[in-house]
């Protein structure tokens, strides 16, 4: 049983919904208040498709769409990115958005680069995070903000792709950072 958990985990990435408001020193988010994020459960024609869902949500953010009535945008991303596991998809997302006349740039860092994420959020941009809960259990999420606590801990505000509302994530608690990619319009 222990080997299985090391290899596949228990699907607990460490995301949570509540934060103690009395311990908040600062909150900063990208302009996300009007977005309805797409979730993995909406698409039955795919498996392990958090990368394609993350890419679709990036499309929604940068094209300023806030309501989708069908799966066309997801299908466009899934057709190019495919099912997971997916280690990289930034160039494919940029290709799709270039066809929509949005020129994106990106920068990828490996491991725990909280300062890079915070700088990107401070500029009004968002980042994707690849997290590993176990050796063969990875998940892509979008970081849309951060909270600085009075004890100087930084908690990330994320879209986990399982819920259409934001969640919180303490870096490297419940899952490990593999990479972060920041996106911004060129």
C-alpha atoms as a PDB file:
ATOM      1  CA  UNK A   1       0.000   0.000   0.000  1.00  0.00           C
ATOM      2  CA  UNK A   2       2.840   2.412   0.813  1.00  0.00           C
ATOM      3  CA  UNK A   3       4.449   1.849  -2.625  1.00  0.00           C
ATOM      4  CA  UNK A   4       1.125   2.591  -4.344  1.00  0.00           C
ATOM      5  CA  UNK A   5       0.834   5.897  -2.457  1.00  0.00           C
ATOM      6  CA  UNK A   6       4.399   6.862  -3.430  1.00  0.00           C
ATOM      7  CA  UNK A   7       3.678   6.097  -7.081  1.00  0.00           C
ATOM      8  CA  UNK A   8       0.094   7.348  -7.409  1.00  0.00           C
ATOM      9  CA  UNK A   9      -0.668   9.364  -4.270  1.00  0.00           C
ATOM     10  CA  UNK A  10      -4.093   9.847  -2.777  1.00  0.00           C
ATOM     11  CA  UNK A  11      -5.321  12.749  -4.974  1.00  0.00           C
ATOM     12  CA  UNK A  12      -4.941  15.257  -2.155  1.00  0.00           C
ATOM     13  CA  UNK A  13      -2.925  18.103  -3.618  1.00  0.00           C
ATOM     14  CA  UNK A  14      -3.338  20.219  -0.500  1.00  0.00           C
ATOM     15  CA  UNK A  15      -5.911  22.676  -1.898  1.00  0.00           C
ATOM     16  CA  UNK A  16      -8.304  24.340   0.539  1.00  0.00           C
ATOM     17  CA  UNK A  17     -11.178  26.831   0.528  1.00  0.00           C
ATOM     18  CA  UNK A  18     -10.975  28.872   3.734  1.00  0.00           C
ATOM     19  CA  UNK A  19      -8.333  31.198   5.102  1.00  0.00           C
ATOM     20  CA  UNK A  20      -8.135  33.007   8.448  1.00  0.00           C
ATOM     21  CA  UNK A  21      -8.879  36.637   7.549  1.00  0.00           C
ATOM     22  CA  UNK A  22      -7.340  37.884  10.797  1.00  0.00           C
ATOM     23  CA  UNK A  23      -3.922  36.613   9.699  1.00  0.00           C
ATOM     24  CA  UNK A  24      -3.917  38.235   6.238  1.00  0.00           C
ATOM     25  CA  UNK A  25      -1.333  40.937   5.669  1.00  0.00           C
ATOM     26  CA  UNK A  26      -1.835  41.456   1.903  1.00  0.00           C
ATOM     27  CA  UNK A  27      -3.907  40.011  -0.965  1.00  0.00           C
ATOM     28  CA  UNK A  28      -3.154  40.585  -4.622  1.00  0.00           C
ATOM     29  CA  UNK A  29      -4.933  39.036  -7.609  1.00  0.00           C
ATOM     30  CA  UNK A  30      -5.070  39.432 -11.346  1.00  0.00           C
ATOM     31  CA  UNK A  31      -8.320  40.929 -12.661  1.00  0.00           C
ATOM     32  CA  UNK A  32     -10.399  37.741 -12.457  1.00  0.00           C
ATOM     33  CA  UNK A  33     -13.713  38.774 -10.945  1.00  0.00           C
ATOM     34  CA  UNK A  34     -15.783  38.256 -14.101  1.00  0.00           C
ATOM     35  CA  UNK A  35     -14.468  34.874 -15.198  1.00  0.00           C
ATOM     36  CA  UNK A  36     -16.330  31.615 -15.034  1.00  0.00           C
ATOM     37  CA  UNK A  37     -13.595  29.009 -15.141  1.00  0.00           C
ATOM     38  CA  UNK A  38     -14.127  25.775 -17.033  1.00  0.00           C
ATOM     39  CA  UNK A  39     -13.701  22.540 -15.129  1.00  0.00           C
ATOM     40  CA  UNK A  40     -12.422  19.122 -16.088  1.00  0.00           C
ATOM     41  CA  UNK A  41     -15.762  17.470 -15.296  1.00  0.00           C
ATOM     42  CA  UNK A  42     -17.435  19.391 -18.100  1.00  0.00           C
ATOM     43  CA  UNK A  43     -15.621  17.423 -20.805  1.00  0.00           C
ATOM     44  CA  UNK A  44     -16.424  13.726 -21.096  1.00  0.00           C
ATOM     45  CA  UNK A  45     -14.515  13.203 -24.339  1.00  0.00           C
ATOM     46  CA  UNK A  46     -11.076  13.422 -22.698  1.00  0.00           C
ATOM     47  CA  UNK A  47      -8.947  11.767 -20.012  1.00  0.00           C
ATOM     48  CA  UNK A  48      -6.291  13.326 -17.797  1.00  0.00           C
ATOM     49  CA  UNK A  49      -6.986  16.631 -19.496  1.00  0.00           C
ATOM     50  CA  UNK A  50      -5.960  19.209 -16.900  1.00  0.00           C
ATOM     51  CA  UNK A  51      -3.373  20.676 -19.331  1.00  0.00           C
ATOM     52  CA  UNK A  52      -6.000  21.206 -22.044  1.00  0.00           C
ATOM     53  CA  UNK A  53      -8.436  22.623 -19.465  1.00  0.00           C
ATOM     54  CA  UNK A  54      -5.733  24.948 -18.099  1.00  0.00           C
ATOM     55  CA  UNK A  55      -4.916  26.078 -21.635  1.00  0.00           C
ATOM     56  CA  UNK A  56      -8.617  26.705 -22.313  1.00  0.00           C
ATOM     57  CA  UNK A  57      -8.867  28.789 -19.138  1.00  0.00           C
ATOM     58  CA  UNK A  58      -5.816  30.801 -20.255  1.00  0.00           C
ATOM     59  CA  UNK A  59      -7.666  31.424 -23.522  1.00  0.00           C
ATOM     60  CA  UNK A  60     -10.718  32.622 -21.569  1.00  0.00           C
ATOM     61  CA  UNK A  61      -8.555  34.957 -19.475  1.00  0.00           C
ATOM     62  CA  UNK A  62      -6.622  36.521 -22.351  1.00  0.00           C
ATOM     63  CA  UNK A  63      -9.510  36.777 -24.829  1.00  0.00           C
ATOM     64  CA  UNK A  64     -11.755  38.168 -22.060  1.00  0.00           C
ATOM     65  CA  UNK A  65     -14.511  35.618 -22.635  1.00  0.00           C
ATOM     66  CA  UNK A  66     -16.663  35.098 -19.593  1.00  0.00           C
ATOM     67  CA  UNK A  67     -19.309  32.687 -20.790  1.00  0.00           C
ATOM     68  CA  UNK A  68     -18.982  29.602 -22.965  1.00  0.00           C
ATOM     69  CA  UNK A  69     -22.078  27.896 -24.307  1.00  0.00           C
ATOM     70  CA  UNK A  70     -20.314  24.949 -25.932  1.00  0.00           C
ATOM     71  CA  UNK A  71     -17.084  22.978 -25.991  1.00  0.00           C
ATOM     72  CA  UNK A  72     -15.574  24.544 -29.115  1.00  0.00           C
ATOM     73  CA  UNK A  73     -12.756  26.354 -27.331  1.00  0.00           C
ATOM     74  CA  UNK A  74     -11.864  23.310 -25.220  1.00  0.00           C
ATOM     75  CA  UNK A  75     -11.940  21.069 -28.299  1.00  0.00           C
ATOM     76  CA  UNK A  76      -9.508  23.410 -30.056  1.00  0.00           C
ATOM     77  CA  UNK A  77      -7.070  23.168 -27.137  1.00  0.00           C
ATOM     78  CA  UNK A  78      -7.588  19.452 -26.525  1.00  0.00           C
ATOM     79  CA  UNK A  79      -7.068  18.637 -30.214  1.00  0.00           C
ATOM     80  CA  UNK A  80      -3.643  20.298 -30.078  1.00  0.00           C
ATOM     81  CA  UNK A  81      -2.556  19.348 -26.533  1.00  0.00           C
ATOM     82  CA  UNK A  82      -4.233  15.951 -26.149  1.00  0.00           C
ATOM     83  CA  UNK A  83      -4.762  13.852 -23.029  1.00  0.00           C
ATOM     84  CA  UNK A  84      -2.234  13.811 -20.222  1.00  0.00           C
ATOM     85  CA  UNK A  85       0.100  13.486 -18.703  1.00  0.00           C
ATOM     86  CA  UNK A  86       1.421  16.619 -20.408  1.00  0.00           C
ATOM     87  CA  UNK A  87       4.680  18.192 -19.306  1.00  0.00           C
ATOM     88  CA  UNK A  88       4.613  21.255 -21.626  1.00  0.00           C
ATOM     89  CA  UNK A  89       1.865  23.083 -23.466  1.00  0.00           C
ATOM     90  CA  UNK A  90       2.791  26.803 -23.426  1.00  0.00           C
ATOM     91  CA  UNK A  91       3.804  26.929 -27.095  1.00  0.00           C
ATOM     92  CA  UNK A  92       0.579  25.215 -28.154  1.00  0.00           C
ATOM     93  CA  UNK A  93      -1.491  27.697 -26.141  1.00  0.00           C
ATOM     94  CA  UNK A  94       0.457  30.576 -27.681  1.00  0.00           C
ATOM     95  CA  UNK A  95      -0.192  29.169 -31.163  1.00  0.00           C
ATOM     96  CA  UNK A  96      -3.958  29.033 -30.562  1.00  0.00           C
ATOM     97  CA  UNK A  97      -4.045  32.567 -29.156  1.00  0.00           C
ATOM     98  CA  UNK A  98      -1.879  33.887 -31.986  1.00  0.00           C
ATOM     99  CA  UNK A  99      -4.632  32.745 -34.367  1.00  0.00           C
ATOM    100  CA  UNK A 100      -6.953  34.957 -32.277  1.00  0.00           C
ATOM    101  CA  UNK A 101      -4.564  37.917 -32.704  1.00  0.00           C
ATOM    102  CA  UNK A 102      -3.220  37.735 -29.161  1.00  0.00           C
ATOM    103  CA  UNK A 103       0.543  37.448 -28.960  1.00  0.00           C
ATOM    104  CA  UNK A 104       1.513  35.810 -25.679  1.00  0.00           C
ATOM    105  CA  UNK A 105       4.940  35.503 -24.188  1.00  0.00           C
ATOM    106  CA  UNK A 106       5.824  33.093 -21.428  1.00  0.00           C
ATOM    107  CA  UNK A 107       8.629  32.318 -19.030  1.00  0.00           C
ATOM    108  CA  UNK A 108       9.045  28.986 -17.265  1.00  0.00           C
ATOM    109  CA  UNK A 109      10.857  28.355 -13.993  1.00  0.00           C
ATOM    110  CA  UNK A 110      11.403  25.028 -12.309  1.00  0.00           C
ATOM    111  CA  UNK A 111      10.679  24.222  -8.700  1.00  0.00           C
ATOM    112  CA  UNK A 112       9.523  26.682  -6.072  1.00  0.00           C
ATOM    113  CA  UNK A 113       9.693  30.193  -7.587  1.00  0.00           C
ATOM    114  CA  UNK A 114       7.220  32.073  -5.405  1.00  0.00           C
ATOM    115  CA  UNK A 115       8.837  35.466  -6.054  1.00  0.00           C
ATOM    116  CA  UNK A 116       8.497  34.944  -9.813  1.00  0.00           C
ATOM    117  CA  UNK A 117       4.799  34.135  -9.403  1.00  0.00           C
ATOM    118  CA  UNK A 118       4.209  37.146  -7.142  1.00  0.00           C
ATOM    119  CA  UNK A 119       5.970  39.519  -9.575  1.00  0.00           C
ATOM    120  CA  UNK A 120       3.817  38.199 -12.404  1.00  0.00           C
ATOM    121  CA  UNK A 121       0.597  38.622 -10.379  1.00  0.00           C
ATOM    122  CA  UNK A 122       1.691  42.132  -9.336  1.00  0.00           C
ATOM    123  CA  UNK A 123       1.791  43.000 -13.062  1.00  0.00           C
ATOM    124  CA  UNK A 124      -1.799  41.754 -13.509  1.00  0.00           C
ATOM    125  CA  UNK A 125      -0.829  38.466 -15.155  1.00  0.00           C
ATOM    126  CA  UNK A 126      -1.432  34.835 -14.249  1.00  0.00           C
ATOM    127  CA  UNK A 127       0.773  31.743 -14.098  1.00  0.00           C
ATOM    128  CA  UNK A 128       0.304  28.028 -14.539  1.00  0.00           C
ATOM    129  CA  UNK A 129       1.713  25.572 -12.018  1.00  0.00           C
ATOM    130  CA  UNK A 130       2.563  21.938 -12.598  1.00  0.00           C
ATOM    131  CA  UNK A 131       2.215  20.112  -9.298  1.00  0.00           C
ATOM    132  CA  UNK A 132       3.191  16.563  -8.394  1.00  0.00           C
ATOM    133  CA  UNK A 133       1.234  14.797  -5.680  1.00  0.00           C
ATOM    134  CA  UNK A 134       3.115  11.548  -6.350  1.00  0.00           C
ATOM    135  CA  UNK A 135       5.545  10.141  -8.890  1.00  0.00           C
ATOM    136  CA  UNK A 136       2.796   9.410 -11.440  1.00  0.00           C
ATOM    137  CA  UNK A 137       0.162  11.899 -10.301  1.00  0.00           C
ATOM    138  CA  UNK A 138       0.574  15.433 -11.678  1.00  0.00           C
ATOM    139  CA  UNK A 139      -1.898  18.262 -12.042  1.00  0.00           C
ATOM    140  CA  UNK A 140      -1.940  21.629 -13.834  1.00  0.00           C
ATOM    141  CA  UNK A 141      -3.558  24.622 -12.103  1.00  0.00           C
ATOM    142  CA  UNK A 142      -3.658  28.372 -12.702  1.00  0.00           C
ATOM    143  CA  UNK A 143      -2.347  30.801 -10.110  1.00  0.00           C
ATOM    144  CA  UNK A 144      -4.448  33.981 -10.154  1.00  0.00           C
ATOM    145  CA  UNK A 145      -3.191  35.630  -6.971  1.00  0.00           C
ATOM    146  CA  UNK A 146      -1.487  35.318  -3.646  1.00  0.00           C
ATOM    147  CA  UNK A 147      -2.043  36.057   0.028  1.00  0.00           C
ATOM    148  CA  UNK A 148       0.734  37.169   2.352  1.00  0.00           C
ATOM    149  CA  UNK A 149       0.049  36.146   5.923  1.00  0.00           C
ATOM    150  CA  UNK A 150       1.175  37.957   9.068  1.00  0.00           C
ATOM    151  CA  UNK A 151       3.697  35.134   9.683  1.00  0.00           C
ATOM    152  CA  UNK A 152       5.250  35.927   6.223  1.00  0.00           C
ATOM    153  CA  UNK A 153       3.865  32.738   4.678  1.00  0.00           C
ATOM    154  CA  UNK A 154       2.690  33.086   1.068  1.00  0.00           C
ATOM    155  CA  UNK A 155      -0.455  31.202   0.056  1.00  0.00           C
ATOM    156  CA  UNK A 156      -1.340  31.018  -3.631  1.00  0.00           C
ATOM    157  CA  UNK A 157      -4.855  31.641  -4.953  1.00  0.00           C
ATOM    158  CA  UNK A 158      -5.507  29.075  -7.665  1.00  0.00           C
ATOM    159  CA  UNK A 159      -8.030  27.736 -10.129  1.00  0.00           C
ATOM    160  CA  UNK A 160      -7.721  23.971  -9.585  1.00  0.00           C
ATOM    161  CA  UNK A 161      -9.721  22.997 -12.717  1.00  0.00           C
ATOM    162  CA  UNK A 162     -12.038  20.817 -10.613  1.00  0.00           C
ATOM    163  CA  UNK A 163     -14.138  23.727  -9.300  1.00  0.00           C
ATOM    164  CA  UNK A 164     -15.166  26.935 -11.064  1.00  0.00           C
ATOM    165  CA  UNK A 165     -14.269  29.024  -8.018  1.00  0.00           C
ATOM    166  CA  UNK A 166     -10.838  29.768  -6.624  1.00  0.00           C
ATOM    167  CA  UNK A 167      -9.026  27.673  -4.030  1.00  0.00           C
ATOM    168  CA  UNK A 168      -5.896  28.191  -1.938  1.00  0.00           C
ATOM    169  CA  UNK A 169      -2.591  26.305  -2.069  1.00  0.00           C
ATOM    170  CA  UNK A 170       0.364  26.358   0.317  1.00  0.00           C
ATOM    171  CA  UNK A 171       3.384  25.690  -1.905  1.00  0.00           C
ATOM    172  CA  UNK A 172       4.855  22.243  -1.372  1.00  0.00           C
ATOM    173  CA  UNK A 173       2.234  21.174   1.179  1.00  0.00           C
ATOM    174  CA  UNK A 174       0.214  18.215  -0.135  1.00  0.00           C
ATOM    175  CA  UNK A 175       1.977  18.365  -3.498  1.00  0.00           C
ATOM    176  CA  UNK A 176       5.292  19.573  -4.896  1.00  0.00           C
ATOM    177  CA  UNK A 177       6.023  22.335  -7.350  1.00  0.00           C
ATOM    178  CA  UNK A 178       7.546  21.033 -10.581  1.00  0.00           C
ATOM    179  CA  UNK A 179       7.336  24.191 -12.661  1.00  0.00           C
ATOM    180  CA  UNK A 180       5.623  27.535 -13.033  1.00  0.00           C
ATOM    181  CA  UNK A 181       5.020  29.345 -16.299  1.00  0.00           C
ATOM    182  CA  UNK A 182       4.046  32.993 -16.370  1.00  0.00           C
ATOM    183  CA  UNK A 183       2.062  34.376 -19.289  1.00  0.00           C
ATOM    184  CA  UNK A 184       1.757  37.953 -20.482  1.00  0.00           C
ATOM    185  CA  UNK A 185       0.702  39.768 -23.644  1.00  0.00           C
ATOM    186  CA  UNK A 186       3.701  40.816 -25.738  1.00  0.00           C
END
